[in-house]
PDB file of N, CA and C in Angstrom:
ATOM      1  N   GLN A   1      60.464 209.547  80.307  1.00  0.00           N
ATOM      2  CA  GLN A   1      61.138 210.550  79.735  1.00  0.00           C
ATOM      3  C   GLN A   1      61.732 211.530  80.606  1.00  0.00           C
ATOM      4  N   VAL A   2      62.638 212.214  80.342  1.00  0.00           N
ATOM      5  CA  VAL A   2      62.989 213.338  81.489  1.00  0.00           C
ATOM      6  C   VAL A   2      63.207 214.845  80.488  1.00  0.00           C
ATOM      7  N   GLN A   3      62.917 215.717  81.146  1.00  0.00           N
ATOM      8  CA  GLN A   3      63.316 216.940  80.349  1.00  0.00           C
ATOM      9  C   GLN A   3      64.454 217.482  80.919  1.00  0.00           C
ATOM     10  N   LEU A   4      64.905 218.357  80.060  1.00  0.00           N
ATOM     11  CA  LEU A   4      66.226 218.980  80.269  1.00  0.00           C
ATOM     12  C   LEU A   4      66.278 220.468  80.301  1.00  0.00           C
ATOM     13  N   VAL A   5      66.821 221.097  80.696  1.00  0.00           N
ATOM     14  CA  VAL A   5      66.725 222.725  80.671  1.00  0.00           C
ATOM     15  C   VAL A   5      68.366 223.232  81.105  1.00  0.00           C
ATOM     16  N   GLU A   6      68.855 223.802  80.159  1.00  0.00           N
ATOM     17  CA  GLU A   6      70.190 224.359  80.138  1.00  0.00           C
ATOM     18  C   GLU A   6      69.936 225.824  80.566  1.00  0.00           C
ATOM     19  N   SER A   7      71.159 226.208  81.586  1.00  0.00           N
ATOM     20  CA  SER A   7      71.101 227.715  81.746  1.00  0.00           C
ATOM     21  C   SER A   7      72.531 227.988  82.066  1.00  0.00           C
ATOM     22  N   GLY A   8      72.743 229.391  82.101  1.00  0.00           N
ATOM     23  CA  GLY A   8      74.210 229.754  82.366  1.00  0.00           C
ATOM     24  C   GLY A   8      75.329 229.870  81.239  1.00  0.00           C
ATOM     25  N   GLY A   9      74.867 230.031  80.001  1.00  0.00           N
ATOM     26  CA  GLY A   9      75.851 230.209  79.183  1.00  0.00           C
ATOM     27  C   GLY A   9      75.809 231.998  78.824  1.00  0.00           C
ATOM     28  N   GLY A  10      76.673 232.438  77.836  1.00  0.00           N
ATOM     29  CA  GLY A  10      76.731 233.933  77.807  1.00  0.00           C
ATOM     30  C   GLY A  10      78.092 234.033  76.984  1.00  0.00           C
ATOM     31  N   LEU A  11      78.223 235.466  77.030  1.00  0.00           N
ATOM     32  CA  LEU A  11      79.754 235.894  76.408  1.00  0.00           C
ATOM     33  C   LEU A  11      80.704 236.308  77.209  1.00  0.00           C
ATOM     34  N   VAL A  12      81.958 235.700  77.051  1.00  0.00           N
ATOM     35  CA  VAL A  12      82.817 235.901  78.123  1.00  0.00           C
ATOM     36  C   VAL A  12      84.548 235.915  77.314  1.00  0.00           C
ATOM     37  N   GLN A  13      85.264 236.669  77.774  1.00  0.00           N
ATOM     38  CA  GLN A  13      86.220 236.625  77.204  1.00  0.00           C
ATOM     39  C   GLN A  13      87.433 235.557  77.859  1.00  0.00           C
ATOM     40  N   ALA A  14      88.381 235.548  76.688  1.00  0.00           N
ATOM     41  CA  ALA A  14      89.240 234.260  77.029  1.00  0.00           C
ATOM     42  C   ALA A  14      89.821 234.128  78.388  1.00  0.00           C
ATOM     43  N   GLY A  15      90.188 233.464  78.593  1.00  0.00           N
ATOM     44  CA  GLY A  15      90.538 233.013  80.237  1.00  0.00           C
ATOM     45  C   GLY A  15      89.684 233.212  81.293  1.00  0.00           C
ATOM     46  N   GLY A  16      88.471 233.592  80.573  1.00  0.00           N
ATOM     47  CA  GLY A  16      87.072 233.855  81.845  1.00  0.00           C
ATOM     48  C   GLY A  16      86.702 232.468  82.148  1.00  0.00           C
ATOM     49  N   SER A  17      85.701 232.340  82.734  1.00  0.00           N
ATOM     50  CA  SER A  17      84.660 231.353  83.332  1.00  0.00           C
ATOM     51  C   SER A  17      83.363 231.603  83.577  1.00  0.00           C
ATOM     52  N   LEU A  18      82.894 230.141  83.017  1.00  0.00           N
ATOM     53  CA  LEU A  18      81.157 230.307  82.896  1.00  0.00           C
ATOM     54  C   LEU A  18      80.677 228.783  83.745  1.00  0.00           C
ATOM     55  N   ARG A  19      79.303 228.868  84.187  1.00  0.00           N
ATOM     56  CA  ARG A  19      79.136 227.588  84.792  1.00  0.00           C
ATOM     57  C   ARG A  19      77.682 226.930  84.404  1.00  0.00           C
ATOM     58  N   LEU A  20      77.651 226.200  83.476  1.00  0.00           N
ATOM     59  CA  LEU A  20      76.482 226.031  83.030  1.00  0.00           C
ATOM     60  C   LEU A  20      75.680 224.913  84.033  1.00  0.00           C
ATOM     61  N   SER A  21      74.504 225.019  83.781  1.00  0.00           N
ATOM     62  CA  SER A  21      73.613 224.216  84.450  1.00  0.00           C
ATOM     63  C   SER A  21      72.687 223.474  83.805  1.00  0.00           C
ATOM     64  N   CYS A  22      71.712 222.072  84.157  1.00  0.00           N
ATOM     65  CA  CYS A  22      71.226 221.170  83.555  1.00  0.00           C
ATOM     66  C   CYS A  22      70.313 220.365  84.807  1.00  0.00           C
ATOM     67  N   ALA A  23      68.882 221.436  84.513  1.00  0.00           N
ATOM     68  CA  ALA A  23      67.807 221.213  85.395  1.00  0.00           C
ATOM     69  C   ALA A  23      66.929 220.226  85.017  1.00  0.00           C
ATOM     70  N   ALA A  24      66.952 218.769  85.653  1.00  0.00           N
ATOM     71  CA  ALA A  24      65.869 217.846  84.987  1.00  0.00           C
ATOM     72  C   ALA A  24      64.997 217.700  85.309  1.00  0.00           C
ATOM     73  N   SER A  25      63.791 217.196  84.828  1.00  0.00           N
ATOM     74  CA  SER A  25      62.475 216.661  85.814  1.00  0.00           C
ATOM     75  C   SER A  25      62.000 215.495  85.255  1.00  0.00           C
ATOM     76  N   GLY A  26      60.943 215.222  85.813  1.00  0.00           N
ATOM     77  CA  GLY A  26      60.416 213.934  85.197  1.00  0.00           C
ATOM     78  C   GLY A  26      61.231 212.498  85.717  1.00  0.00           C
ATOM     79  N   ARG A  27      62.244 212.547  85.814  1.00  0.00           N
ATOM     80  CA  ARG A  27      62.681 211.181  86.447  1.00  0.00           C
ATOM     81  C   ARG A  27      64.069 211.638  87.361  1.00  0.00           C
ATOM     82  N   THR A  28      64.548 211.007  88.388  1.00  0.00           N
ATOM     83  CA  THR A  28      65.913 211.299  88.857  1.00  0.00           C
ATOM     84  C   THR A  28      67.001 211.082  87.913  1.00  0.00           C
ATOM     85  N   ILE A  29      67.652 211.991  88.060  1.00  0.00           N
ATOM     86  CA  ILE A  29      69.092 211.652  87.591  1.00  0.00           C
ATOM     87  C   ILE A  29      70.119 210.984  87.951  1.00  0.00           C
ATOM     88  N   ALA A  30      69.724 210.276  89.188  1.00  0.00           N
ATOM     89  CA  ALA A  30      70.916 208.962  89.362  1.00  0.00           C
ATOM     90  C   ALA A  30      70.091 207.895  88.812  1.00  0.00           C
ATOM     91  N   ASN A  31      69.276 207.938  87.939  1.00  0.00           N
ATOM     92  CA  ASN A  31      68.690 206.730  87.043  1.00  0.00           C
ATOM     93  C   ASN A  31      69.748 206.928  85.897  1.00  0.00           C
ATOM     94  N   ASP A  32      70.345 207.645  85.385  1.00  0.00           N
ATOM     95  CA  ASP A  32      70.948 208.415  84.275  1.00  0.00           C
ATOM     96  C   ASP A  32      72.270 208.732  83.978  1.00  0.00           C
ATOM     97  N   ASP A  33      73.110 208.047  82.902  1.00  0.00           N
ATOM     98  CA  ASP A  33      74.229 208.521  82.458  1.00  0.00           C
ATOM     99  C   ASP A  33      73.784 210.033  81.786  1.00  0.00           C
ATOM    100  N   MET A  34      74.608 210.733  81.840  1.00  0.00           N
ATOM    101  CA  MET A  34      74.390 211.989  81.475  1.00  0.00           C
ATOM    102  C   MET A  34      75.733 212.777  81.275  1.00  0.00           C
ATOM    103  N   GLY A  35      75.688 213.715  79.825  1.00  0.00           N
ATOM    104  CA  GLY A  35      76.741 214.197  79.249  1.00  0.00           C
ATOM    105  C   GLY A  35      76.730 215.865  79.014  1.00  0.00           C
ATOM    106  N   TRP A  36      77.532 216.389  78.425  1.00  0.00           N
ATOM    107  CA  TRP A  36      77.686 217.695  77.995  1.00  0.00           C
ATOM    108  C   TRP A  36      78.150 217.202  76.304  1.00  0.00           C
ATOM    109  N   PHE A  37      77.469 217.928  75.265  1.00  0.00           N
ATOM    110  CA  PHE A  37      77.946 218.098  74.231  1.00  0.00           C
ATOM    111  C   PHE A  37      78.059 219.886  73.785  1.00  0.00           C
ATOM    112  N   ARG A  38      78.828 220.255  72.590  1.00  0.00           N
ATOM    113  CA  ARG A  38      78.781 221.292  72.374  1.00  0.00           C
ATOM    114  C   ARG A  38      78.566 221.001  70.556  1.00  0.00           C
ATOM    115  N   GLN A  39      78.293 222.523  69.911  1.00  0.00           N
ATOM    116  CA  GLN A  39      78.073 222.232  68.711  1.00  0.00           C
ATOM    117  C   GLN A  39      78.458 223.912  68.029  1.00  0.00           C
ATOM    118  N   ALA A  40      79.381 223.900  67.669  1.00  0.00           N
ATOM    119  CA  ALA A  40      80.124 224.910  66.961  1.00  0.00           C
ATOM    120  C   ALA A  40      79.486 225.434  65.428  1.00  0.00           C
ATOM    121  N   PRO A  41      79.415 226.631  64.943  1.00  0.00           N
ATOM    122  CA  PRO A  41      78.785 226.683  63.853  1.00  0.00           C
ATOM    123  C   PRO A  41      79.538 226.053  62.700  1.00  0.00           C
ATOM    124  N   GLY A  42      78.432 225.084  61.771  1.00  0.00           N
ATOM    125  CA  GLY A  42      79.353 224.531  60.347  1.00  0.00           C
ATOM    126  C   GLY A  42      79.695 223.330  60.842  1.00  0.00           C
ATOM    127  N   LYS A  43      80.222 222.915  62.223  1.00  0.00           N
ATOM    128  CA  LYS A  43      80.340 221.362  62.818  1.00  0.00           C
ATOM    129  C   LYS A  43      79.594 220.861  63.316  1.00  0.00           C
ATOM    130  N   GLU A  44      79.986 219.448  63.720  1.00  0.00           N
ATOM    131  CA  GLU A  44      79.656 218.213  63.897  1.00  0.00           C
ATOM    132  C   GLU A  44      79.007 218.704  65.862  1.00  0.00           C
ATOM    133  N   ARG A  45      77.930 218.165  66.353  1.00  0.00           N
ATOM    134  CA  ARG A  45      77.992 217.942  67.583  1.00  0.00           C
ATOM    135  C   ARG A  45      79.145 217.208  68.024  1.00  0.00           C
ATOM    136  N   GLU A  46      79.460 217.811  69.065  1.00  0.00           N
ATOM    137  CA  GLU A  46      80.891 217.080  69.916  1.00  0.00           C
ATOM    138  C   GLU A  46      80.893 216.570  71.170  1.00  0.00           C
ATOM    139  N   PHE A  47      81.482 215.920  71.570  1.00  0.00           N
ATOM    140  CA  PHE A  47      81.251 215.450  73.293  1.00  0.00           C
ATOM    141  C   PHE A  47      82.314 216.014  73.659  1.00  0.00           C
ATOM    142  N   VAL A  48      81.524 216.652  75.167  1.00  0.00           N
ATOM    143  CA  VAL A  48      82.338 217.617  75.674  1.00  0.00           C
ATOM    144  C   VAL A  48      82.942 216.287  77.431  1.00  0.00           C
ATOM    145  N   ALA A  49      82.092 215.843  77.981  1.00  0.00           N
ATOM    146  CA  ALA A  49      82.059 215.455  79.415  1.00  0.00           C
ATOM    147  C   ALA A  49      80.920 214.577  79.647  1.00  0.00           C
ATOM    148  N   ALA A  50      81.321 213.451  80.322  1.00  0.00           N
ATOM    149  CA  ALA A  50      80.422 212.525  80.915  1.00  0.00           C
ATOM    150  C   ALA A  50      80.109 212.246  82.501  1.00  0.00           C
ATOM    151  N   ILE A  51      79.414 211.992  83.112  1.00  0.00           N
ATOM    152  CA  ILE A  51      79.221 211.609  84.437  1.00  0.00           C
ATOM    153  C   ILE A  51      78.271 210.477  84.498  1.00  0.00           C
ATOM    154  N   ASN A  52      78.541 209.499  85.052  1.00  0.00           N
ATOM    155  CA  ASN A  52      77.678 208.436  84.998  1.00  0.00           C
ATOM    156  C   ASN A  52      76.599 208.074  86.081  1.00  0.00           C
ATOM    157  N   ARG A  53      75.989 207.267  85.943  1.00  0.00           N
ATOM    158  CA  ARG A  53      74.626 206.890  86.873  1.00  0.00           C
ATOM    159  C   ARG A  53      74.575 207.152  88.474  1.00  0.00           C
ATOM    160  N   SER A  54      75.938 206.485  88.640  1.00  0.00           N
ATOM    161  CA  SER A  54      76.243 206.567  90.379  1.00  0.00           C
ATOM    162  C   SER A  54      76.876 207.804  90.578  1.00  0.00           C
ATOM    163  N   GLY A  55      77.357 208.623  89.414  1.00  0.00           N
ATOM    164  CA  GLY A  55      78.133 210.039  89.842  1.00  0.00           C
ATOM    165  C   GLY A  55      79.760 209.723  89.917  1.00  0.00           C
ATOM    166  N   GLY A  56      80.076 208.503  90.211  1.00  0.00           N
ATOM    167  CA  GLY A  56      81.457 207.960  90.754  1.00  0.00           C
ATOM    168  C   GLY A  56      82.449 207.874  89.108  1.00  0.00           C
ATOM    169  N   VAL A  57      81.905 207.924  88.178  1.00  0.00           N
ATOM    170  CA  VAL A  57      82.951 207.645  86.909  1.00  0.00           C
ATOM    171  C   VAL A  57      82.681 209.320  86.093  1.00  0.00           C
ATOM    172  N   ILE A  58      83.764 209.423  85.592  1.00  0.00           N
ATOM    173  CA  ILE A  58      83.703 211.006  84.852  1.00  0.00           C
ATOM    174  C   ILE A  58      84.762 210.887  83.658  1.00  0.00           C
ATOM    175  N   ASP A  59      84.488 211.496  82.858  1.00  0.00           N
ATOM    176  CA  ASP A  59      84.913 211.545  81.373  1.00  0.00           C
ATOM    177  C   ASP A  59      85.065 212.852  80.386  1.00  0.00           C
ATOM    178  N   TYR A  60      86.277 213.233  80.238  1.00  0.00           N
ATOM    179  CA  TYR A  60      86.371 214.512  79.446  1.00  0.00           C
ATOM    180  C   TYR A  60      86.797 214.183  78.240  1.00  0.00           C
ATOM    181  N   VAL A  61      86.384 214.932  76.782  1.00  0.00           N
ATOM    182  CA  VAL A  61      87.454 215.306  75.805  1.00  0.00           C
ATOM    183  C   VAL A  61      88.769 215.644  76.152  1.00  0.00           C
ATOM    184  N   ASP A  62      89.533 215.411  75.295  1.00  0.00           N
ATOM    185  CA  ASP A  62      91.108 215.873  75.861  1.00  0.00           C
ATOM    186  C   ASP A  62      90.817 217.513  75.798  1.00  0.00           C
ATOM    187  N   SER A  63      90.403 218.095  75.034  1.00  0.00           N
ATOM    188  CA  SER A  63      90.674 219.426  74.693  1.00  0.00           C
ATOM    189  C   SER A  63      90.166 220.588  75.775  1.00  0.00           C
ATOM    190  N   VAL A  64      89.230 219.603  76.945  1.00  0.00           N
ATOM    191  CA  VAL A  64      88.867 220.093  77.964  1.00  0.00           C
ATOM    192  C   VAL A  64      89.039 220.085  79.505  1.00  0.00           C
ATOM    193  N   ASN A  65      90.015 218.695  79.374  1.00  0.00           N
ATOM    194  CA  ASN A  65      90.783 218.164  80.550  1.00  0.00           C
ATOM    195  C   ASN A  65      91.370 218.975  81.091  1.00  0.00           C
ATOM    196  N   GLY A  66      91.360 219.185  82.422  1.00  0.00           N
ATOM    197  CA  GLY A  66      91.661 220.260  83.193  1.00  0.00           C
ATOM    198  C   GLY A  66      91.270 221.430  83.258  1.00  0.00           C
ATOM    199  N   ARG A  67      90.286 221.961  82.712  1.00  0.00           N
ATOM    200  CA  ARG A  67      89.773 223.252  82.165  1.00  0.00           C
ATOM    201  C   ARG A  67      88.162 223.163  82.870  1.00  0.00           C
ATOM    202  N   PHE A  68      87.876 222.346  82.431  1.00  0.00           N
ATOM    203  CA  PHE A  68      86.006 221.875  82.806  1.00  0.00           C
ATOM    204  C   PHE A  68      86.163 220.951  83.822  1.00  0.00           C
ATOM    205  N   THR A  69      84.947 221.068  84.468  1.00  0.00           N
ATOM    206  CA  THR A  69      84.588 220.034  85.480  1.00  0.00           C
ATOM    207  C   THR A  69      82.963 219.882  85.334  1.00  0.00           C
ATOM    208  N   ILE A  70      82.616 218.475  85.401  1.00  0.00           N
ATOM    209  CA  ILE A  70      81.378 218.313  85.370  1.00  0.00           C
ATOM    210  C   ILE A  70      80.981 217.733  86.826  1.00  0.00           C
ATOM    211  N   SER A  71      79.882 217.863  86.977  1.00  0.00           N
ATOM    212  CA  SER A  71      79.200 217.843  88.229  1.00  0.00           C
ATOM    213  C   SER A  71      77.678 217.628  88.657  1.00  0.00           C
ATOM    214  N   ARG A  72      77.230 216.656  89.438  1.00  0.00           N
ATOM    215  CA  ARG A  72      75.983 216.983  89.926  1.00  0.00           C
ATOM    216  C   ARG A  72      75.510 217.161  91.214  1.00  0.00           C
ATOM    217  N   ASP A  73      74.131 217.246  91.320  1.00  0.00           N
ATOM    218  CA  ASP A  73      73.591 217.361  92.536  1.00  0.00           C
ATOM    219  C   ASP A  73      72.300 216.626  92.514  1.00  0.00           C
ATOM    220  N   VAL A  74      72.367 215.825  93.026  1.00  0.00           N
ATOM    221  CA  VAL A  74      70.723 214.826  92.663  1.00  0.00           C
ATOM    222  C   VAL A  74      69.832 215.241  93.480  1.00  0.00           C
ATOM    223  N   ALA A  75      70.061 215.804  94.665  1.00  0.00           N
ATOM    224  CA  ALA A  75      68.831 216.598  95.618  1.00  0.00           C
ATOM    225  C   ALA A  75      68.429 217.576  94.751  1.00  0.00           C
ATOM    226  N   LYS A  76      68.881 218.260  93.952  1.00  0.00           N
ATOM    227  CA  LYS A  76      68.514 219.380  93.195  1.00  0.00           C
ATOM    228  C   LYS A  76      68.069 218.845  91.846  1.00  0.00           C
ATOM    229  N   ASN A  77      68.700 217.549  91.570  1.00  0.00           N
ATOM    230  CA  ASN A  77      68.223 216.854  90.160  1.00  0.00           C
ATOM    231  C   ASN A  77      68.957 217.844  88.986  1.00  0.00           C
ATOM    232  N   THR A  78      70.202 218.226  89.250  1.00  0.00           N
ATOM    233  CA  THR A  78      70.603 219.112  88.091  1.00  0.00           C
ATOM    234  C   THR A  78      72.285 218.826  88.090  1.00  0.00           C
ATOM    235  N   MET A  79      72.555 218.716  86.823  1.00  0.00           N
ATOM    236  CA  MET A  79      74.177 218.632  86.460  1.00  0.00           C
ATOM    237  C   MET A  79      74.509 220.013  86.055  1.00  0.00           C
ATOM    238  N   TYR A  80      76.181 219.839  86.250  1.00  0.00           N
ATOM    239  CA  TYR A  80      76.813 221.294  86.178  1.00  0.00           C
ATOM    240  C   TYR A  80      77.762 220.923  85.020  1.00  0.00           C
ATOM    241  N   LEU A  81      78.259 221.967  84.565  1.00  0.00           N
ATOM    242  CA  LEU A  81      79.678 221.970  84.033  1.00  0.00           C
ATOM    243  C   LEU A  81      80.426 223.253  84.367  1.00  0.00           C
ATOM    244  N   GLN A  82      81.413 223.280  84.967  1.00  0.00           N
ATOM    245  CA  GLN A  82      81.963 224.582  85.609  1.00  0.00           C
ATOM    246  C   GLN A  82      83.028 224.772  84.109  1.00  0.00           C
ATOM    247  N   MET A  83      82.989 225.605  83.701  1.00  0.00           N
ATOM    248  CA  MET A  83      84.352 226.080  82.769  1.00  0.00           C
ATOM    249  C   MET A  83      85.078 227.100  82.974  1.00  0.00           C
ATOM    250  N   ASN A  84      86.322 226.664  83.196  1.00  0.00           N
ATOM    251  CA  ASN A  84      87.577 227.780  83.477  1.00  0.00           C
ATOM    252  C   ASN A  84      88.642 227.635  82.200  1.00  0.00           C
ATOM    253  N   ASN A  85      89.435 229.182  82.554  1.00  0.00           N
ATOM    254  CA  ASN A  85      90.199 229.099  81.407  1.00  0.00           C
ATOM    255  C   ASN A  85      89.524 228.956  79.862  1.00  0.00           C
ATOM    256  N   LEU A  86      88.641 229.826  79.805  1.00  0.00           N
ATOM    257  CA  LEU A  86      87.726 229.640  78.454  1.00  0.00           C
ATOM    258  C   LEU A  86      88.744 230.089  77.262  1.00  0.00           C
ATOM    259  N   LYS A  87      88.257 229.240  75.951  1.00  0.00           N
ATOM    260  CA  LYS A  87      89.269 229.617  74.973  1.00  0.00           C
ATOM    261  C   LYS A  87      88.159 229.615  73.804  1.00  0.00           C
ATOM    262  N   PRO A  88      88.557 230.690  73.100  1.00  0.00           N
ATOM    263  CA  PRO A  88      87.743 230.907  71.469  1.00  0.00           C
ATOM    264  C   PRO A  88      86.726 229.611  70.790  1.00  0.00           C
ATOM    265  N   GLU A  89      88.075 228.792  70.815  1.00  0.00           N
ATOM    266  CA  GLU A  89      87.547 227.459  70.400  1.00  0.00           C
ATOM    267  C   GLU A  89      86.511 226.781  71.087  1.00  0.00           C
ATOM    268  N   ASP A  90      85.871 227.373  72.324  1.00  0.00           N
ATOM    269  CA  ASP A  90      85.360 226.379  73.189  1.00  0.00           C
ATOM    270  C   ASP A  90      83.694 227.072  72.624  1.00  0.00           C
ATOM    271  N   THR A  91      83.643 228.088  71.932  1.00  0.00           N
ATOM    272  CA  THR A  91      82.454 228.750  71.487  1.00  0.00           C
ATOM    273  C   THR A  91      81.722 227.617  70.753  1.00  0.00           C
ATOM    274  N   GLY A  92      80.447 227.996  71.546  1.00  0.00           N
ATOM    275  CA  GLY A  92      79.703 226.839  70.682  1.00  0.00           C
ATOM    276  C   GLY A  92      78.024 226.850  71.340  1.00  0.00           C
ATOM    277  N   VAL A  93      77.102 226.030  70.900  1.00  0.00           N
ATOM    278  CA  VAL A  93      75.911 225.548  71.539  1.00  0.00           C
ATOM    279  C   VAL A  93      76.137 224.469  72.372  1.00  0.00           C
ATOM    280  N   TYR A  94      76.032 224.705  73.794  1.00  0.00           N
ATOM    281  CA  TYR A  94      76.307 223.285  74.826  1.00  0.00           C
ATOM    282  C   TYR A  94      74.682 222.791  74.998  1.00  0.00           C
ATOM    283  N   TYR A  95      74.773 221.775  74.799  1.00  0.00           N
ATOM    284  CA  TYR A  95      73.573 220.626  75.104  1.00  0.00           C
ATOM    285  C   TYR A  95      74.108 219.813  76.100  1.00  0.00           C
ATOM    286  N   CYS A  96      72.932 219.587  77.368  1.00  0.00           N
ATOM    287  CA  CYS A  96      73.106 218.457  77.950  1.00  0.00           C
ATOM    288  C   CYS A  96      71.872 217.380  77.551  1.00  0.00           C
ATOM    289  N   ALA A  97      72.396 215.998  77.915  1.00  0.00           N
ATOM    290  CA  ALA A  97      71.927 214.569  77.777  1.00  0.00           C
ATOM    291  C   ALA A  97      71.588 214.158  78.693  1.00  0.00           C
ATOM    292  N   ALA A  98      70.548 213.331  78.258  1.00  0.00           N
ATOM    293  CA  ALA A  98      70.745 211.986  79.761  1.00  0.00           C
ATOM    294  C   ALA A  98      69.985 210.932  78.944  1.00  0.00           C
ATOM    295  N   GLY A  99      70.551 209.691  79.534  1.00  0.00           N
ATOM    296  CA  GLY A  99      70.109 208.405  78.755  1.00  0.00           C
ATOM    297  C   GLY A  99      69.946 207.427  80.086  1.00  0.00           C
ATOM    298  N   ALA A 100      68.979 206.710  80.162  1.00  0.00           N
ATOM    299  CA  ALA A 100      68.774 205.619  80.988  1.00  0.00           C
ATOM    300  C   ALA A 100      69.118 204.291  80.735  1.00  0.00           C
ATOM    301  N   SER A 101      69.845 204.143  79.307  1.00  0.00           N
ATOM    302  CA  SER A 101      70.150 203.032  78.687  1.00  0.00           C
ATOM    303  C   SER A 101      71.212 203.365  78.079  1.00  0.00           C
ATOM    304  N   THR A 102      72.043 204.564  78.534  1.00  0.00           N
ATOM    305  CA  THR A 102      73.087 204.550  77.222  1.00  0.00           C
ATOM    306  C   THR A 102      74.239 203.495  77.027  1.00  0.00           C
ATOM    307  N   GLY A 103      74.542 203.234  78.317  1.00  0.00           N
ATOM    308  CA  GLY A 103      75.956 202.260  78.103  1.00  0.00           C
ATOM    309  C   GLY A 103      77.071 203.253  78.287  1.00  0.00           C
ATOM    310  N   TRP A 104      77.889 203.034  79.537  1.00  0.00           N
ATOM    311  CA  TRP A 104      79.129 204.158  79.703  1.00  0.00           C
ATOM    312  C   TRP A 104      79.835 203.824  78.628  1.00  0.00           C
ATOM    313  N   TYR A 105      79.996 202.675  77.819  1.00  0.00           N
ATOM    314  CA  TYR A 105      81.173 202.756  76.793  1.00  0.00           C
ATOM    315  C   TYR A 105      80.520 203.904  75.608  1.00  0.00           C
ATOM    316  N   ARG A 106      79.158 203.853  75.457  1.00  0.00           N
ATOM    317  CA  ARG A 106      79.199 204.687  74.348  1.00  0.00           C
ATOM    318  C   ARG A 106      78.839 205.936  75.014  1.00  0.00           C
ATOM    319  N   ARG A 107      79.319 206.643  75.999  1.00  0.00           N
ATOM    320  CA  ARG A 107      79.027 207.887  76.680  1.00  0.00           C
ATOM    321  C   ARG A 107      79.065 209.142  75.777  1.00  0.00           C
ATOM    322  N   ALA A 108      80.527 208.818  74.700  1.00  0.00           N
ATOM    323  CA  ALA A 108      80.789 210.128  73.994  1.00  0.00           C
ATOM    324  C   ALA A 108      80.233 209.871  72.431  1.00  0.00           C
ATOM    325  N   ILE A 109      79.066 209.116  72.283  1.00  0.00           N
ATOM    326  CA  ILE A 109      78.385 208.902  71.163  1.00  0.00           C
ATOM    327  C   ILE A 109      76.698 209.795  71.555  1.00  0.00           C
ATOM    328  N   SER A 110      76.586 210.649  70.761  1.00  0.00           N
ATOM    329  CA  SER A 110      75.065 211.660  70.473  1.00  0.00           C
ATOM    330  C   SER A 110      74.037 210.350  70.805  1.00  0.00           C
ATOM    331  N   GLN A 111      74.324 209.720  69.983  1.00  0.00           N
ATOM    332  CA  GLN A 111      72.961 208.853  69.672  1.00  0.00           C
ATOM    333  C   GLN A 111      72.573 208.312  70.622  1.00  0.00           C
ATOM    334  N   ALA A 112      73.473 207.920  71.661  1.00  0.00           N
ATOM    335  CA  ALA A 112      73.286 206.959  72.868  1.00  0.00           C
ATOM    336  C   ALA A 112      72.508 207.736  73.971  1.00  0.00           C
ATOM    337  N   TYR A 113      72.155 208.947  73.904  1.00  0.00           N
ATOM    338  CA  TYR A 113      71.182 209.875  74.624  1.00  0.00           C
ATOM    339  C   TYR A 113      69.982 209.950  74.381  1.00  0.00           C
ATOM    340  N   ASP A 114      68.898 209.649  74.940  1.00  0.00           N
ATOM    341  CA  ASP A 114      67.389 209.839  74.344  1.00  0.00           C
ATOM    342  C   ASP A 114      66.759 211.001  75.159  1.00  0.00           C
ATOM    343  N   ASN A 115      67.386 211.650  75.784  1.00  0.00           N
ATOM    344  CA  ASN A 115      66.908 213.101  76.332  1.00  0.00           C
ATOM    345  C   ASN A 115      68.197 214.181  75.994  1.00  0.00           C
ATOM    346  N   TRP A 116      67.343 215.388  75.557  1.00  0.00           N
ATOM    347  CA  TRP A 116      68.176 216.611  75.203  1.00  0.00           C
ATOM    348  C   TRP A 116      67.272 217.897  75.616  1.00  0.00           C
ATOM    349  N   GLY A 117      68.260 218.450  75.915  1.00  0.00           N
ATOM    350  CA  GLY A 117      67.850 219.959  76.413  1.00  0.00           C
ATOM    351  C   GLY A 117      68.211 220.760  75.219  1.00  0.00           C
ATOM    352  N   GLN A 118      67.401 222.397  75.104  1.00  0.00           N
ATOM    353  CA  GLN A 118      67.588 222.891  74.243  1.00  0.00           C
ATOM    354  C   GLN A 118      68.510 223.440  73.511  1.00  0.00           C
ATOM    355  N   GLY A 119      69.616 223.517  74.761  1.00  0.00           N
ATOM    356  CA  GLY A 119      71.157 224.077  74.336  1.00  0.00           C
ATOM    357  C   GLY A 119      70.862 225.603  75.070  1.00  0.00           C
ATOM    358  N   THR A 120      72.418 225.891  75.526  1.00  0.00           N
ATOM    359  CA  THR A 120      72.425 227.220  75.917  1.00  0.00           C
ATOM    360  C   THR A 120      74.001 227.989  75.457  1.00  0.00           C
ATOM    361  N   GLN A 121      73.801 229.234  74.259  1.00  0.00           N
ATOM    362  CA  GLN A 121      75.053 229.550  73.772  1.00  0.00           C
ATOM    363  C   GLN A 121      75.924 229.901  75.151  1.00  0.00           C
ATOM    364  N   VAL A 122      77.153 229.435  74.463  1.00  0.00           N
ATOM    365  CA  VAL A 122      78.683 230.320  74.886  1.00  0.00           C
ATOM    366  C   VAL A 122      79.341 230.663  73.895  1.00  0.00           C
ATOM    367  N   THR A 123      79.722 231.827  74.297  1.00  0.00           N
ATOM    368  CA  THR A 123      80.557 232.460  72.926  1.00  0.00           C
ATOM    369  C   THR A 123      81.917 233.357  74.128  1.00  0.00           C
ATOM    370  N   VAL A 124      82.903 232.871  73.689  1.00  0.00           N
ATOM    371  CA  VAL A 124      84.261 233.378  74.053  1.00  0.00           C
ATOM    372  C   VAL A 124      85.080 234.137  73.076  1.00  0.00           C
ATOM    373  N   SER A 125      85.159 235.240  73.654  1.00  0.00           N
ATOM    374  CA  SER A 125      85.610 236.373  72.724  1.00  0.00           C
ATOM    375  C   SER A 125      87.539 236.387  73.127  1.00  0.00           C
ATOM    376  N   SER A 126      88.229 236.598  71.902  1.00  0.00           N
ATOM    377  CA  SER A 126      89.872 236.595  72.121  1.00  0.00           C
ATOM    378  C   SER A 126      90.343 237.853  72.493  1.00  0.00           C
TER     379      SER A 126
END
């Protein structure tokens, strides 16, 4: 098992930026495919971005492509999500997820990940 703790959420005006962190313990993130998901009030959890276990392959949902950047620092065992030009529709609870046997083709499916953080709130005001 790997334990995940998100941080970096907050309240920001539209057009602003935030950087989320996901600190992992219990296992090196180099063994896992990892992803960011978000859930807005009254909506289902949706895929935001993923990075594969080698760190060489990345994917984003279309709505954040060009604005968000996923990255990781294996030495710090931490994954990041840099969010720029934030929009009100980006509001939600952001979760990081990790899976040692996810399968990259399942990267956008929440059930493919077996470890989750507690979430961090991101609120973007208009």
